Amino acid sequence: MDTIALGLLNLTVSTSPDNDRHTLVELAAAHGFNVTHVLHIDEDTFMPTTLIIDSAHKIRAATILAPSVEHFGTATRALTLACTLVVPTATIPCVRGWTPNP
């Protein structure tokens, strides 16, 4: 069974959105992910970290794919509280067991 994944494309850092979309397709195929949604964000996106995590939750994604770590922006660490992050050069595992109210 394929793992559900959310694709993330940050148009603020992308120099070639078409190439980045192709990278997402290749990344999904290489890891056996089923990308059910690609989320586009940019510098005008309101609360991007919340939007990314909410979008992943709504589609029940266990993983968020991006063409590079730069597409996660400053949200990288926060996103690992919700999902595993995968880029072509690295996999950043989800931090299990975290709770906001220890």
Protein backbone atom coordinates (compact mmCIF):
# COMPACT_ATOMS: atom_id res chain seq x y z
CA MET A 1 0.00 0.00 0.00
CA ASP A 2 1.31 3.43 -0.93
CA THR A 3 1.96 6.01 1.74
CA ILE A 4 -0.09 9.17 1.31
CA ALA A 5 2.06 12.24 0.83
CA LEU A 6 1.50 15.96 0.44
CA GLY A 7 3.60 17.72 -2.17
CA LEU A 8 4.80 21.21 -1.27
CA LEU A 9 5.88 23.82 -3.77
CA ASN A 10 7.04 27.18 -2.41
CA LEU A 11 6.82 29.56 -5.34
CA THR A 12 8.92 32.14 -3.48
CA VAL A 13 12.02 29.93 -3.63
CA SER A 14 11.26 28.07 -6.85
CA THR A 15 13.27 29.11 -9.89
CA SER A 16 11.44 26.64 -12.13
CA PRO A 17 8.02 25.48 -10.92
CA ASP A 18 7.74 22.98 -13.79
CA ASN A 19 11.06 21.36 -12.87
CA ASP A 20 10.07 21.36 -9.21
CA ARG A 21 6.77 19.61 -10.01
CA HIS A 22 8.72 17.02 -11.99
CA THR A 23 11.02 16.54 -8.99
CA LEU A 24 7.98 15.89 -6.78
CA VAL A 25 6.71 13.23 -9.21
CA GLU A 26 10.13 11.53 -9.32
CA LEU A 27 10.51 11.71 -5.55
CA ALA A 28 7.08 10.15 -5.00
CA ALA A 29 7.79 7.35 -7.47
CA ALA A 30 11.21 6.60 -5.97
CA HIS A 31 9.78 6.25 -2.45
CA GLY A 32 6.42 4.65 -3.30
CA PHE A 33 4.37 7.65 -2.18
CA ASN A 34 0.91 8.51 -3.44
CA VAL A 35 0.78 12.32 -3.77
CA THR A 36 -2.88 13.21 -3.46
CA HIS A 37 -2.39 16.97 -3.32
CA VAL A 38 0.29 19.54 -4.14
CA LEU A 39 0.11 22.67 -2.01
CA HIS A 40 1.43 25.91 -3.51
CA ILE A 41 2.57 28.62 -1.12
CA ASP A 42 4.43 31.91 -1.56
CA GLU A 43 5.44 34.98 0.44
CA ASP A 44 1.77 36.09 0.61
CA THR A 45 0.49 32.84 2.14
CA PHE A 46 -1.12 33.54 5.50
CA MET A 47 0.28 31.31 8.27
CA PRO A 48 2.04 28.86 5.91
CA THR A 49 3.15 26.44 8.64
CA THR A 50 -0.42 26.05 9.87
CA LEU A 51 -1.70 25.70 6.32
CA ILE A 52 0.84 22.99 5.47
CA ILE A 53 0.15 20.95 8.61
CA ASP A 54 -3.62 21.35 8.24
CA SER A 55 -3.46 20.31 4.58
CA ALA A 56 -1.39 17.24 5.45
CA HIS A 57 -3.81 16.32 8.22
CA LYS A 58 -6.88 16.68 5.99
CA ILE A 59 -5.53 14.23 3.42
CA ARG A 60 -4.05 11.96 6.12
CA ALA A 61 -0.53 12.40 4.80
CA ALA A 62 2.28 10.76 6.71
CA THR A 63 4.89 12.54 4.58
CA ILE A 64 5.46 15.94 3.02
CA LEU A 65 7.57 16.03 -0.15
CA ALA A 66 9.40 19.07 -1.47
CA PRO A 67 11.95 19.71 -4.23
CA SER A 68 14.44 20.99 -1.62
CA VAL A 69 14.61 21.86 2.08
CA GLU A 70 14.32 25.54 1.15
CA HIS A 71 10.69 24.94 0.15
CA PHE A 72 9.85 24.29 3.84
CA GLY A 73 11.25 27.70 4.78
CA THR A 74 11.45 28.41 8.49
CA ALA A 75 8.79 25.76 9.17
CA THR A 76 11.07 22.74 8.80
CA ARG A 77 11.36 21.93 12.50
CA ALA A 78 7.67 22.56 13.22
CA LEU A 79 6.60 20.39 10.28
CA THR A 80 8.52 17.41 11.69
CA LEU A 81 6.09 17.45 14.60
CA ALA A 82 3.36 16.40 12.16
CA CYS A 83 5.00 14.44 9.32
CA THR A 84 8.18 13.01 7.91
CA LEU A 85 9.77 15.41 5.40
CA VAL A 86 11.37 14.07 2.23
CA VAL A 87 13.51 15.95 -0.28
CA PRO A 88 15.81 14.46 -2.94
CA THR A 89 18.86 14.68 -0.68
CA ALA A 90 17.42 13.82 2.75
CA THR A 91 14.65 12.35 4.84
CA ILE A 92 13.84 14.20 8.05
CA PRO A 93 11.87 11.90 10.34
CA CYS A 94 8.73 12.86 12.20
CA VAL A 95 9.30 13.56 15.90
CA ARG A 96 6.98 11.03 17.57
CA GLY A 97 5.60 11.47 21.02
CA TRP A 98 5.74 15.26 21.13
CA THR A 99 2.96 16.95 23.02
CA PRO A 100 2.34 20.70 23.41
CA ASN A 101 1.24 20.22 27.04
CA PRO A 102 3.72 17.85 28.71
